[in-house]
PDB file of N, CA and C in Angstrom:
ATOM      1  N   UNK A   1     -10.781  -8.246 -15.386  1.00  0.00           N
ATOM      2  CA  UNK A   1     -10.920  -6.892 -14.871  1.00  0.00           C
ATOM      3  C   UNK A   1      -9.636  -6.468 -14.165  1.00  0.00           C
ATOM      4  N   UNK A   2      -9.110  -5.331 -14.548  1.00  0.00           N
ATOM      5  CA  UNK A   2      -7.889  -4.841 -13.919  1.00  0.00           C
ATOM      6  C   UNK A   2      -8.200  -4.214 -12.568  1.00  0.00           C
ATOM      7  N   UNK A   3      -7.346  -4.466 -11.617  1.00  0.00           N
ATOM      8  CA  UNK A   3      -7.477  -3.888 -10.287  1.00  0.00           C
ATOM      9  C   UNK A   3      -6.790  -2.532 -10.251  1.00  0.00           C
ATOM     10  N   UNK A   4      -7.380  -1.605  -9.489  1.00  0.00           N
ATOM     11  CA  UNK A   4      -6.781  -0.287  -9.346  1.00  0.00           C
ATOM     12  C   UNK A   4      -5.963  -0.221  -8.061  1.00  0.00           C
ATOM     13  N   UNK A   5      -4.888   0.558  -8.111  1.00  0.00           N
ATOM     14  CA  UNK A   5      -3.952   0.623  -6.987  1.00  0.00           C
ATOM     15  C   UNK A   5      -3.576   2.069  -6.698  1.00  0.00           C
ATOM     16  N   UNK A   6      -3.429   2.374  -5.409  1.00  0.00           N
ATOM     17  CA  UNK A   6      -2.814   3.622  -4.978  1.00  0.00           C
ATOM     18  C   UNK A   6      -1.511   3.259  -4.269  1.00  0.00           C
ATOM     19  N   UNK A   7      -0.435   3.930  -4.659  1.00  0.00           N
ATOM     20  CA  UNK A   7       0.875   3.707  -4.045  1.00  0.00           C
ATOM     21  C   UNK A   7       1.145   4.843  -3.067  1.00  0.00           C
ATOM     22  N   UNK A   8       1.403   4.504  -1.815  1.00  0.00           N
ATOM     23  CA  UNK A   8       1.693   5.507  -0.794  1.00  0.00           C
ATOM     24  C   UNK A   8       3.119   5.288  -0.291  1.00  0.00           C
ATOM     25  N   UNK A   9       4.004   6.192  -0.681  1.00  0.00           N
ATOM     26  CA  UNK A   9       5.406   6.117  -0.263  1.00  0.00           C
ATOM     27  C   UNK A   9       6.007   7.507  -0.449  1.00  0.00           C
ATOM     28  N   UNK A  10       6.780   7.970   0.526  1.00  0.00           N
ATOM     29  CA  UNK A  10       7.354   9.311   0.406  1.00  0.00           C
ATOM     30  C   UNK A  10       8.506   9.359  -0.593  1.00  0.00           C
ATOM     31  N   UNK A  11       9.002   8.212  -1.011  1.00  0.00           N
ATOM     32  CA  UNK A  11      10.104   8.152  -1.970  1.00  0.00           C
ATOM     33  C   UNK A  11       9.578   8.074  -3.404  1.00  0.00           C
ATOM     34  N   UNK A  12       9.854   9.110  -4.189  1.00  0.00           N
ATOM     35  CA  UNK A  12       9.458   9.115  -5.599  1.00  0.00           C
ATOM     36  C   UNK A  12      10.077   7.918  -6.321  1.00  0.00           C
ATOM     37  N   UNK A  13      11.318   7.607  -6.007  1.00  0.00           N
ATOM     38  CA  UNK A  13      12.008   6.466  -6.614  1.00  0.00           C
ATOM     39  C   UNK A  13      11.233   5.168  -6.360  1.00  0.00           C
ATOM     40  N   UNK A  14      10.817   4.957  -5.109  1.00  0.00           N
ATOM     41  CA  UNK A  14      10.083   3.733  -4.759  1.00  0.00           C
ATOM     42  C   UNK A  14       8.722   3.701  -5.450  1.00  0.00           C
ATOM     43  N   UNK A  15       8.058   4.843  -5.540  1.00  0.00           N
ATOM     44  CA  UNK A  15       6.766   4.882  -6.234  1.00  0.00           C
ATOM     45  C   UNK A  15       6.936   4.525  -7.706  1.00  0.00           C
ATOM     46  N   UNK A  16       8.010   5.010  -8.331  1.00  0.00           N
ATOM     47  CA  UNK A  16       8.262   4.688  -9.742  1.00  0.00           C
ATOM     48  C   UNK A  16       8.539   3.198  -9.926  1.00  0.00           C
ATOM     49  N   UNK A  17       9.326   2.618  -9.031  1.00  0.00           N
ATOM     50  CA  UNK A  17       9.627   1.176  -9.106  1.00  0.00           C
ATOM     51  C   UNK A  17       8.327   0.371  -8.997  1.00  0.00           C
ATOM     52  N   UNK A  18       7.530   0.682  -7.982  1.00  0.00           N
ATOM     53  CA  UNK A  18       6.274  -0.046  -7.780  1.00  0.00           C
ATOM     54  C   UNK A  18       5.328   0.169  -8.961  1.00  0.00           C
ATOM     55  N   UNK A  19       5.232   1.398  -9.455  1.00  0.00           N
ATOM     56  CA  UNK A  19       4.358   1.675 -10.602  1.00  0.00           C
ATOM     57  C   UNK A  19       4.754   0.796 -11.788  1.00  0.00           C
ATOM     58  N   UNK A  20       6.051   0.716 -12.068  1.00  0.00           N
ATOM     59  CA  UNK A  20       6.525  -0.097 -13.184  1.00  0.00           C
ATOM     60  C   UNK A  20       6.134  -1.562 -13.035  1.00  0.00           C
ATOM     61  N   UNK A  21       6.313  -2.089 -11.831  1.00  0.00           N
ATOM     62  CA  UNK A  21       5.960  -3.494 -11.566  1.00  0.00           C
ATOM     63  C   UNK A  21       4.457  -3.696 -11.751  1.00  0.00           C
ATOM     64  N   UNK A  22       3.670  -2.806 -11.171  1.00  0.00           N
ATOM     65  CA  UNK A  22       2.214  -2.952 -11.218  1.00  0.00           C
ATOM     66  C   UNK A  22       1.665  -2.848 -12.628  1.00  0.00           C
ATOM     67  N   UNK A  23       2.121  -1.855 -13.372  1.00  0.00           N
ATOM     68  CA  UNK A  23       1.646  -1.672 -14.743  1.00  0.00           C
ATOM     69  C   UNK A  23       2.012  -2.887 -15.592  1.00  0.00           C
ATOM     70  N   UNK A  24       3.223  -3.389 -15.410  1.00  0.00           N
ATOM     71  CA  UNK A  24       3.654  -4.577 -16.161  1.00  0.00           C
ATOM     72  C   UNK A  24       2.768  -5.781 -15.864  1.00  0.00           C
ATOM     73  N   UNK A  25       2.257  -5.854 -14.637  1.00  0.00           N
ATOM     74  CA  UNK A  25       1.413  -6.985 -14.232  1.00  0.00           C
ATOM     75  C   UNK A  25      -0.072  -6.742 -14.516  1.00  0.00           C
ATOM     76  N   UNK A  26      -0.401  -5.612 -15.146  1.00  0.00           N
ATOM     77  CA  UNK A  26      -1.771  -5.368 -15.542  1.00  0.00           C
ATOM     78  C   UNK A  26      -2.618  -4.573 -14.568  1.00  0.00           C
ATOM     79  N   UNK A  27      -2.031  -4.061 -13.506  1.00  0.00           N
ATOM     80  CA  UNK A  27      -2.775  -3.233 -12.561  1.00  0.00           C
ATOM     81  C   UNK A  27      -2.833  -1.802 -13.081  1.00  0.00           C
ATOM     82  N   UNK A  28      -3.840  -1.063 -12.646  1.00  0.00           N
ATOM     83  CA  UNK A  28      -3.985   0.337 -13.029  1.00  0.00           C
ATOM     84  C   UNK A  28      -3.675   1.186 -11.801  1.00  0.00           C
ATOM     85  N   UNK A  29      -2.623   1.983 -11.886  1.00  0.00           N
ATOM     86  CA  UNK A  29      -2.257   2.862 -10.776  1.00  0.00           C
ATOM     87  C   UNK A  29      -3.084   4.137 -10.923  1.00  0.00           C
ATOM     88  N   UNK A  30      -4.058   4.310 -10.023  1.00  0.00           N
ATOM     89  CA  UNK A  30      -4.964   5.454 -10.119  1.00  0.00           C
ATOM     90  C   UNK A  30      -4.484   6.649  -9.313  1.00  0.00           C
ATOM     91  N   UNK A  31      -3.546   6.409  -8.376  1.00  0.00           N
ATOM     92  CA  UNK A  31      -3.055   7.520  -7.556  1.00  0.00           C
ATOM     93  C   UNK A  31      -1.737   7.138  -6.910  1.00  0.00           C
ATOM     94  N   UNK A  32      -0.972   8.191  -6.627  1.00  0.00           N
ATOM     95  CA  UNK A  32       0.238   8.063  -5.825  1.00  0.00           C
ATOM     96  C   UNK A  32       0.149   9.127  -4.748  1.00  0.00           C
ATOM     97  N   UNK A  33       0.696   8.818  -3.589  1.00  0.00           N
ATOM     98  CA  UNK A  33       0.702   9.782  -2.484  1.00  0.00           C
ATOM     99  C   UNK A  33       2.032   9.692  -1.759  1.00  0.00           C
ATOM    100  N   UNK A  34       2.518  10.857  -1.339  1.00  0.00           N
ATOM    101  CA  UNK A  34       3.781  10.919  -0.601  1.00  0.00           C
ATOM    102  C   UNK A  34       3.561  11.257   0.863  1.00  0.00           C
ATOM    103  N   UNK A  35       2.289  11.398   1.264  1.00  0.00           N
ATOM    104  CA  UNK A  35       1.985  11.772   2.646  1.00  0.00           C
ATOM    105  C   UNK A  35       0.627  11.209   3.054  1.00  0.00           C
ATOM    106  N   UNK A  36       0.370  11.292   4.338  1.00  0.00           N
ATOM    107  CA  UNK A  36      -0.918  10.852   4.846  1.00  0.00           C
ATOM    108  C   UNK A  36      -2.061  11.711   4.346  1.00  0.00           C
ATOM    109  N   UNK A  37      -1.834  13.030   4.272  1.00  0.00           N
ATOM    110  CA  UNK A  37      -2.872  13.948   3.793  1.00  0.00           C
ATOM    111  C   UNK A  37      -3.244  13.621   2.350  1.00  0.00           C
ATOM    112  N   UNK A  38      -2.235  13.432   1.494  1.00  0.00           N
ATOM    113  CA  UNK A  38      -2.506  13.075   0.095  1.00  0.00           C
ATOM    114  C   UNK A  38      -3.246  11.746   0.010  1.00  0.00           C
ATOM    115  N   UNK A  39      -2.857  10.812   0.863  1.00  0.00           N
ATOM    116  CA  UNK A  39      -3.491   9.491   0.860  1.00  0.00           C
ATOM    117  C   UNK A  39      -4.981   9.594   1.122  1.00  0.00           C
ATOM    118  N   UNK A  40      -5.353  10.322   2.161  1.00  0.00           N
ATOM    119  CA  UNK A  40      -6.762  10.417   2.515  1.00  0.00           C
ATOM    120  C   UNK A  40      -7.556  11.164   1.444  1.00  0.00           C
ATOM    121  N   UNK A  41      -6.958  12.188   0.824  1.00  0.00           N
ATOM    122  CA  UNK A  41      -7.645  12.892  -0.276  1.00  0.00           C
ATOM    123  C   UNK A  41      -7.895  11.933  -1.437  1.00  0.00           C
ATOM    124  N   UNK A  42      -6.859  11.185  -1.818  1.00  0.00           N
ATOM    125  CA  UNK A  42      -6.984  10.238  -2.935  1.00  0.00           C
ATOM    126  C   UNK A  42      -7.933   9.097  -2.620  1.00  0.00           C
ATOM    127  N   UNK A  43      -7.959   8.671  -1.373  1.00  0.00           N
ATOM    128  CA  UNK A  43      -8.812   7.555  -0.967  1.00  0.00           C
ATOM    129  C   UNK A  43     -10.269   7.848  -1.305  1.00  0.00           C
ATOM    130  N   UNK A  44     -10.687   9.072  -1.062  1.00  0.00           N
ATOM    131  CA  UNK A  44     -12.091   9.423  -1.256  1.00  0.00           C
ATOM    132  C   UNK A  44     -12.437   9.847  -2.678  1.00  0.00           C
ATOM    133  N   UNK A  45     -11.417  10.132  -3.489  1.00  0.00           N
ATOM    134  CA  UNK A  45     -11.709  10.532  -4.865  1.00  0.00           C
ATOM    135  C   UNK A  45     -11.392   9.433  -5.878  1.00  0.00           C
ATOM    136  N   UNK A  46     -10.428   8.578  -5.582  1.00  0.00           N
ATOM    137  CA  UNK A  46      -9.990   7.552  -6.539  1.00  0.00           C
ATOM    138  C   UNK A  46     -10.544   6.164  -6.252  1.00  0.00           C
ATOM    139  N   UNK A  47     -10.869   5.879  -4.997  1.00  0.00           N
ATOM    140  CA  UNK A  47     -11.435   4.590  -4.588  1.00  0.00           C
ATOM    141  C   UNK A  47     -10.636   3.388  -5.111  1.00  0.00           C
ATOM    142  N   UNK A  48      -9.348   3.288  -4.760  1.00  0.00           N
ATOM    143  CA  UNK A  48      -8.543   2.170  -5.270  1.00  0.00           C
ATOM    144  C   UNK A  48      -8.965   0.832  -4.679  1.00  0.00           C
ATOM    145  N   UNK A  49      -8.777  -0.228  -5.472  1.00  0.00           N
ATOM    146  CA  UNK A  49      -9.036  -1.585  -4.980  1.00  0.00           C
ATOM    147  C   UNK A  49      -7.971  -2.000  -3.964  1.00  0.00           C
ATOM    148  N   UNK A  50      -6.738  -1.559  -4.206  1.00  0.00           N
ATOM    149  CA  UNK A  50      -5.585  -1.957  -3.384  1.00  0.00           C
ATOM    150  C   UNK A  50      -4.792  -0.701  -3.030  1.00  0.00           C
ATOM    151  N   UNK A  51      -4.284  -0.672  -1.811  1.00  0.00           N
ATOM    152  CA  UNK A  51      -3.400   0.415  -1.387  1.00  0.00           C
ATOM    153  C   UNK A  51      -2.096  -0.213  -0.919  1.00  0.00           C
ATOM    154  N   UNK A  52      -0.998   0.223  -1.528  1.00  0.00           N
ATOM    155  CA  UNK A  52       0.324  -0.212  -1.079  1.00  0.00           C
ATOM    156  C   UNK A  52       0.853   0.916  -0.206  1.00  0.00           C
ATOM    157  N   UNK A  53       1.083   0.625   1.071  1.00  0.00           N
ATOM    158  CA  UNK A  53       1.328   1.647   2.079  1.00  0.00           C
ATOM    159  C   UNK A  53       2.670   1.481   2.779  1.00  0.00           C
ATOM    160  N   UNK A  54       3.490   2.527   2.707  1.00  0.00           N
ATOM    161  CA  UNK A  54       4.743   2.566   3.457  1.00  0.00           C
ATOM    162  C   UNK A  54       4.422   2.952   4.901  1.00  0.00           C
ATOM    163  N   UNK A  55       5.316   2.621   5.816  1.00  0.00           N
ATOM    164  CA  UNK A  55       5.111   2.972   7.226  1.00  0.00           C
ATOM    165  C   UNK A  55       5.683   4.351   7.551  1.00  0.00           C
ATOM    166  N   UNK A  56       6.822   4.672   6.971  1.00  0.00           N
ATOM    167  CA  UNK A  56       7.474   5.935   7.297  1.00  0.00           C
ATOM    168  C   UNK A  56       7.067   6.999   6.279  1.00  0.00           C
ATOM    169  N   UNK A  57       6.279   7.969   6.745  1.00  0.00           N
ATOM    170  CA  UNK A  57       5.808   9.067   5.905  1.00  0.00           C
ATOM    171  C   UNK A  57       6.123  10.383   6.619  1.00  0.00           C
ATOM    172  N   UNK A  58       6.258  11.476   5.866  1.00  0.00           N
ATOM    173  CA  UNK A  58       6.689  12.726   6.488  1.00  0.00           C
ATOM    174  C   UNK A  58       5.689  13.331   7.472  1.00  0.00           C
ATOM    175  N   UNK A  59       4.402  13.071   7.273  1.00  0.00           N
ATOM    176  CA  UNK A  59       3.406  13.715   8.127  1.00  0.00           C
ATOM    177  C   UNK A  59       2.600  12.745   8.989  1.00  0.00           C
ATOM    178  N   UNK A  60       2.905  11.465   8.890  1.00  0.00           N
ATOM    179  CA  UNK A  60       2.149  10.503   9.695  1.00  0.00           C
ATOM    180  C   UNK A  60       2.877   9.170   9.770  1.00  0.00           C
ATOM    181  N   UNK A  61       2.484   8.403  10.759  1.00  0.00           N
ATOM    182  CA  UNK A  61       2.971   7.040  10.891  1.00  0.00           C
ATOM    183  C   UNK A  61       2.060   6.165  10.040  1.00  0.00           C
ATOM    184  N   UNK A  62       2.650   5.323   9.207  1.00  0.00           N
ATOM    185  CA  UNK A  62       1.856   4.485   8.319  1.00  0.00           C
ATOM    186  C   UNK A  62       0.874   3.582   9.040  1.00  0.00           C
ATOM    187  N   UNK A  63       1.218   3.144  10.247  1.00  0.00           N
ATOM    188  CA  UNK A  63       0.298   2.277  10.987  1.00  0.00           C
ATOM    189  C   UNK A  63      -0.915   3.067  11.472  1.00  0.00           C
ATOM    190  N   UNK A  64      -0.696   4.332  11.867  1.00  0.00           N
ATOM    191  CA  UNK A  64      -1.836   5.187  12.232  1.00  0.00           C
ATOM    192  C   UNK A  64      -2.690   5.465  11.000  1.00  0.00           C
ATOM    193  N   UNK A  65      -2.031   5.698   9.882  1.00  0.00           N
ATOM    194  CA  UNK A  65      -2.737   5.941   8.626  1.00  0.00           C
ATOM    195  C   UNK A  65      -3.534   4.703   8.213  1.00  0.00           C
ATOM    196  N   UNK A  66      -2.956   3.538   8.416  1.00  0.00           N
ATOM    197  CA  UNK A  66      -3.649   2.278   8.136  1.00  0.00           C
ATOM    198  C   UNK A  66      -4.965   2.223   8.904  1.00  0.00           C
ATOM    199  N   UNK A  67      -4.923   2.574  10.177  1.00  0.00           N
ATOM    200  CA  UNK A  67      -6.151   2.585  10.989  1.00  0.00           C
ATOM    201  C   UNK A  67      -7.172   3.578  10.433  1.00  0.00           C
ATOM    202  N   UNK A  68      -6.706   4.752  10.022  1.00  0.00           N
ATOM    203  CA  UNK A  68      -7.606   5.777   9.469  1.00  0.00           C
ATOM    204  C   UNK A  68      -8.253   5.302   8.171  1.00  0.00           C
ATOM    205  N   UNK A  69      -7.460   4.652   7.327  1.00  0.00           N
ATOM    206  CA  UNK A  69      -7.991   4.143   6.053  1.00  0.00           C
ATOM    207  C   UNK A  69      -9.051   3.081   6.313  1.00  0.00           C
ATOM    208  N   UNK A  70      -8.750   2.143   7.195  1.00  0.00           N
ATOM    209  CA  UNK A  70      -9.694   1.062   7.515  1.00  0.00           C
ATOM    210  C   UNK A  70     -10.974   1.632   8.132  1.00  0.00           C
ATOM    211  N   UNK A  71     -10.809   2.647   8.976  1.00  0.00           N
ATOM    212  CA  UNK A  71     -11.970   3.283   9.600  1.00  0.00           C
ATOM    213  C   UNK A  71     -12.850   3.954   8.547  1.00  0.00           C
ATOM    214  N   UNK A  72     -12.222   4.646   7.582  1.00  0.00           N
ATOM    215  CA  UNK A  72     -12.965   5.354   6.534  1.00  0.00           C
ATOM    216  C   UNK A  72     -13.510   4.411   5.469  1.00  0.00           C
ATOM    217  N   UNK A  73     -12.751   3.387   5.134  1.00  0.00           N
ATOM    218  CA  UNK A  73     -13.115   2.441   4.069  1.00  0.00           C
ATOM    219  C   UNK A  73     -12.804   1.021   4.543  1.00  0.00           C
ATOM    220  N   UNK A  74     -13.705   0.434   5.312  1.00  0.00           N
ATOM    221  CA  UNK A  74     -13.433  -0.875   5.927  1.00  0.00           C
ATOM    222  C   UNK A  74     -13.088  -2.004   4.956  1.00  0.00           C
ATOM    223  N   UNK A  75     -13.495  -1.876   3.699  1.00  0.00           N
ATOM    224  CA  UNK A  75     -13.224  -2.936   2.728  1.00  0.00           C
ATOM    225  C   UNK A  75     -11.897  -2.758   1.999  1.00  0.00           C
ATOM    226  N   UNK A  76     -11.110  -1.785   2.417  1.00  0.00           N
ATOM    227  CA  UNK A  76      -9.828  -1.524   1.754  1.00  0.00           C
ATOM    228  C   UNK A  76      -8.896  -2.726   1.860  1.00  0.00           C
ATOM    229  N   UNK A  77      -8.211  -2.991   0.754  1.00  0.00           N
ATOM    230  CA  UNK A  77      -7.190  -4.048   0.731  1.00  0.00           C
ATOM    231  C   UNK A  77      -5.849  -3.336   0.780  1.00  0.00           C
ATOM    232  N   UNK A  78      -5.250  -3.358   1.957  1.00  0.00           N
ATOM    233  CA  UNK A  78      -4.005  -2.624   2.165  1.00  0.00           C
ATOM    234  C   UNK A  78      -2.858  -3.613   2.299  1.00  0.00           C
ATOM    235  N   UNK A  79      -1.793  -3.331   1.546  1.00  0.00           N
ATOM    236  CA  UNK A  79      -0.563  -4.103   1.636  1.00  0.00           C
ATOM    237  C   UNK A  79       0.495  -3.139   2.161  1.00  0.00           C
ATOM    238  N   UNK A  80       1.005  -3.431   3.348  1.00  0.00           N
ATOM    239  CA  UNK A  80       2.070  -2.600   3.902  1.00  0.00           C
ATOM    240  C   UNK A  80       3.376  -3.013   3.237  1.00  0.00           C
ATOM    241  N   UNK A  81       4.139  -2.019   2.801  1.00  0.00           N
ATOM    242  CA  UNK A  81       5.409  -2.258   2.115  1.00  0.00           C
ATOM    243  C   UNK A  81       6.454  -1.380   2.790  1.00  0.00           C
ATOM    244  N   UNK A  82       7.342  -2.004   3.568  1.00  0.00           N
ATOM    245  CA  UNK A  82       8.265  -1.218   4.374  1.00  0.00           C
ATOM    246  C   UNK A  82       9.591  -1.934   4.580  1.00  0.00           C
ATOM    247  N   UNK A  83      10.605  -1.140   4.864  1.00  0.00           N
ATOM    248  CA  UNK A  83      11.905  -1.706   5.226  1.00  0.00           C
ATOM    249  C   UNK A  83      11.937  -2.079   6.704  1.00  0.00           C
ATOM    250  N   UNK A  84      10.939  -1.626   7.459  1.00  0.00           N
ATOM    251  CA  UNK A  84      10.841  -1.989   8.873  1.00  0.00           C
ATOM    252  C   UNK A  84      10.176  -3.355   8.930  1.00  0.00           C
ATOM    253  N   UNK A  85      10.980  -4.387   9.085  1.00  0.00           N
ATOM    254  CA  UNK A  85      10.435  -5.733   8.974  1.00  0.00           C
ATOM    255  C   UNK A  85      10.474  -6.559  10.245  1.00  0.00           C
ATOM    256  N   UNK A  86      10.538  -5.904  11.403  1.00  0.00           N
ATOM    257  CA  UNK A  86      10.507  -6.675  12.645  1.00  0.00           C
ATOM    258  C   UNK A  86       9.169  -7.388  12.773  1.00  0.00           C
ATOM    259  N   UNK A  87       9.213  -8.567  13.351  1.00  0.00           N
ATOM    260  CA  UNK A  87       8.007  -9.392  13.475  1.00  0.00           C
ATOM    261  C   UNK A  87       6.867  -8.641  14.143  1.00  0.00           C
ATOM    262  N   UNK A  88       7.157  -7.830  15.154  1.00  0.00           N
ATOM    263  CA  UNK A  88       6.086  -7.115  15.866  1.00  0.00           C
ATOM    264  C   UNK A  88       5.419  -6.061  14.975  1.00  0.00           C
ATOM    265  N   UNK A  89       6.184  -5.427  14.088  1.00  0.00           N
ATOM    266  CA  UNK A  89       5.627  -4.431  13.176  1.00  0.00           C
ATOM    267  C   UNK A  89       4.756  -5.125  12.130  1.00  0.00           C
ATOM    268  N   UNK A  90       5.240  -6.241  11.614  1.00  0.00           N
ATOM    269  CA  UNK A  90       4.463  -7.005  10.635  1.00  0.00           C
ATOM    270  C   UNK A  90       3.152  -7.463  11.269  1.00  0.00           C
ATOM    271  N   UNK A  91       3.230  -8.016  12.466  1.00  0.00           N
ATOM    272  CA  UNK A  91       2.027  -8.510  13.143  1.00  0.00           C
ATOM    273  C   UNK A  91       1.050  -7.380  13.445  1.00  0.00           C
ATOM    274  N   UNK A  92       1.562  -6.233  13.889  1.00  0.00           N
ATOM    275  CA  UNK A  92       0.679  -5.100  14.183  1.00  0.00           C
ATOM    276  C   UNK A  92      -0.024  -4.632  12.911  1.00  0.00           C
ATOM    277  N   UNK A  93       0.707  -4.607  11.792  1.00  0.00           N
ATOM    278  CA  UNK A  93       0.103  -4.223  10.507  1.00  0.00           C
ATOM    279  C   UNK A  93      -1.073  -5.132  10.180  1.00  0.00           C
ATOM    280  N   UNK A  94      -0.858  -6.420  10.335  1.00  0.00           N
ATOM    281  CA  UNK A  94      -1.905  -7.401  10.026  1.00  0.00           C
ATOM    282  C   UNK A  94      -3.061  -7.291  11.022  1.00  0.00           C
ATOM    283  N   UNK A  95      -2.729  -7.084  12.294  1.00  0.00           N
ATOM    284  CA  UNK A  95      -3.768  -6.934  13.313  1.00  0.00           C
ATOM    285  C   UNK A  95      -4.640  -5.708  13.061  1.00  0.00           C
ATOM    286  N   UNK A  96      -4.033  -4.649  12.518  1.00  0.00           N
ATOM    287  CA  UNK A  96      -4.775  -3.416  12.251  1.00  0.00           C
ATOM    288  C   UNK A  96      -5.613  -3.489  10.976  1.00  0.00           C
ATOM    289  N   UNK A  97      -5.402  -4.532  10.178  1.00  0.00           N
ATOM    290  CA  UNK A  97      -6.247  -4.696   9.002  1.00  0.00           C
ATOM    291  C   UNK A  97      -5.535  -4.834   7.669  1.00  0.00           C
ATOM    292  N   UNK A  98      -4.198  -4.752   7.672  1.00  0.00           N
ATOM    293  CA  UNK A  98      -3.483  -4.972   6.414  1.00  0.00           C
ATOM    294  C   UNK A  98      -3.702  -6.416   5.968  1.00  0.00           C
ATOM    295  N   UNK A  99      -3.781  -6.603   4.659  1.00  0.00           N
ATOM    296  CA  UNK A  99      -3.991  -7.950   4.113  1.00  0.00           C
ATOM    297  C   UNK A  99      -2.672  -8.693   3.913  1.00  0.00           C
ATOM    298  N   UNK A 100      -1.562  -7.932   3.826  1.00  0.00           N
ATOM    299  CA  UNK A 100      -0.248  -8.552   3.606  1.00  0.00           C
ATOM    300  C   UNK A 100       0.840  -7.530   3.938  1.00  0.00           C
ATOM    301  N   UNK A 101       2.063  -8.025   3.983  1.00  0.00           N
ATOM    302  CA  UNK A 101       3.237  -7.188   4.264  1.00  0.00           C
ATOM    303  C   UNK A 101       4.333  -7.565   3.277  1.00  0.00           C
ATOM    304  N   UNK A 102       4.892  -6.559   2.617  1.00  0.00           N
ATOM    305  CA  UNK A 102       6.019  -6.781   1.712  1.00  0.00           C
ATOM    306  C   UNK A 102       7.235  -6.095   2.314  1.00  0.00           C
ATOM    307  N   UNK A 103       8.276  -6.864   2.509  1.00  0.00           N
ATOM    308  CA  UNK A 103       9.533  -6.340   3.070  1.00  0.00           C
ATOM    309  C   UNK A 103      10.377  -5.711   1.968  1.00  0.00           C
ATOM    310  N   UNK A 104      10.848  -4.479   2.197  1.00  0.00           N
ATOM    311  CA  UNK A 104      11.811  -3.845   1.282  1.00  0.00           C
ATOM    312  C   UNK A 104      13.205  -4.283   1.689  1.00  0.00           C
ATOM    313  N   UNK A 105      14.110  -4.507   0.788  1.00  0.00           N
ATOM    314  CA  UNK A 105      13.906  -4.510  -0.657  1.00  0.00           C
ATOM    315  C   UNK A 105      13.129  -5.748  -1.093  1.00  0.00           C
ATOM    316  N   UNK A 106      12.411  -5.615  -2.189  1.00  0.00           N
ATOM    317  CA  UNK A 106      11.568  -6.702  -2.687  1.00  0.00           C
ATOM    318  C   UNK A 106      11.917  -6.986  -4.141  1.00  0.00           C
ATOM    319  N   UNK A 107      11.396  -8.086  -4.637  1.00  0.00           N
ATOM    320  CA  UNK A 107      11.548  -8.414  -6.056  1.00  0.00           C
ATOM    321  C   UNK A 107      10.195  -8.180  -6.737  1.00  0.00           C
ATOM    322  N   UNK A 108      10.204  -7.939  -8.040  1.00  0.00           N
ATOM    323  CA  UNK A 108       8.925  -7.810  -8.757  1.00  0.00           C
ATOM    324  C   UNK A 108       8.055  -9.056  -8.573  1.00  0.00           C
ATOM    325  N   UNK A 109       8.685 -10.198  -8.516  1.00  0.00           N
ATOM    326  CA  UNK A 109       7.944 -11.456  -8.346  1.00  0.00           C
ATOM    327  C   UNK A 109       7.221 -11.495  -7.000  1.00  0.00           C
ATOM    328  N   UNK A 110       7.873 -10.991  -5.963  1.00  0.00           N
ATOM    329  CA  UNK A 110       7.256 -10.981  -4.627  1.00  0.00           C
ATOM    330  C   UNK A 110       6.040 -10.068  -4.616  1.00  0.00           C
ATOM    331  N   UNK A 111       6.158  -8.884  -5.214  1.00  0.00           N
ATOM    332  CA  UNK A 111       5.035  -7.949  -5.270  1.00  0.00           C
ATOM    333  C   UNK A 111       3.867  -8.596  -6.016  1.00  0.00           C
ATOM    334  N   UNK A 112       4.143  -9.187  -7.169  1.00  0.00           N
ATOM    335  CA  UNK A 112       3.097  -9.840  -7.964  1.00  0.00           C
ATOM    336  C   UNK A 112       2.438 -10.977  -7.179  1.00  0.00           C
ATOM    337  N   UNK A 113       3.246 -11.779  -6.508  1.00  0.00           N
ATOM    338  CA  UNK A 113       2.718 -12.911  -5.733  1.00  0.00           C
ATOM    339  C   UNK A 113       1.781 -12.433  -4.633  1.00  0.00           C
ATOM    340  N   UNK A 114       2.201 -11.427  -3.886  1.00  0.00           N
ATOM    341  CA  UNK A 114       1.372 -10.910  -2.791  1.00  0.00           C
ATOM    342  C   UNK A 114       0.050 -10.369  -3.327  1.00  0.00           C
ATOM    343  N   UNK A 115       0.094  -9.584  -4.385  1.00  0.00           N
ATOM    344  CA  UNK A 115      -1.119  -8.996  -4.933  1.00  0.00           C
ATOM    345  C   UNK A 115      -2.049 -10.050  -5.524  1.00  0.00           C
ATOM    346  N   UNK A 116      -1.493 -11.056  -6.175  1.00  0.00           N
ATOM    347  CA  UNK A 116      -2.318 -12.121  -6.758  1.00  0.00           C
ATOM    348  C   UNK A 116      -3.015 -12.944  -5.685  1.00  0.00           C
ATOM    349  N   UNK A 117      -2.449 -12.982  -4.485  1.00  0.00           N
ATOM    350  CA  UNK A 117      -3.023 -13.783  -3.401  1.00  0.00           C
ATOM    351  C   UNK A 117      -4.028 -13.019  -2.533  1.00  0.00           C
ATOM    352  N   UNK A 118      -4.266 -11.737  -2.851  1.00  0.00           N
ATOM    353  CA  UNK A 118      -5.259 -10.978  -2.079  1.00  0.00           C
ATOM    354  C   UNK A 118      -6.640 -11.515  -2.400  1.00  0.00           C
ATOM    355  N   UNK A 119      -7.482 -11.565  -1.375  1.00  0.00           N
ATOM    356  CA  UNK A 119      -8.858 -12.025  -1.569  1.00  0.00           C
ATOM    357  C   UNK A 119      -9.734 -10.841  -1.937  1.00  0.00           C
ATOM    358  N   UNK A 120     -10.641 -11.066  -2.871  1.00  0.00           N
ATOM    359  CA  UNK A 120     -11.568 -10.006  -3.297  1.00  0.00           C
ATOM    360  C   UNK A 120     -12.979 -10.373  -2.996  1.00  0.00           C
TER     361      UNK A 120
END
């Protein structure tokens, strides 16, 4: 069974890179969002198995958005993917409910490894 994914990143370039990696690995990208508002709309209409979430978004902080997603859909599997890789940010992401953290820049292998290790 293929897992569905929503990619949340304000960079179209980054969304395209992630989409390519995910599709190649057999995931189905059901939605992309460039903002917190788009994310919440897609969350309730697309119901993705996995959400790849950037921290820096034009209308919201990704960590605040992470809390909103978990509050609305407690079973969400969220992977934070950000260039902000300080230990405290990574730990806060995990404490708030993210299942993993991917540091940008990343390799396709790293993305695949993280997603394959998510618990369902």
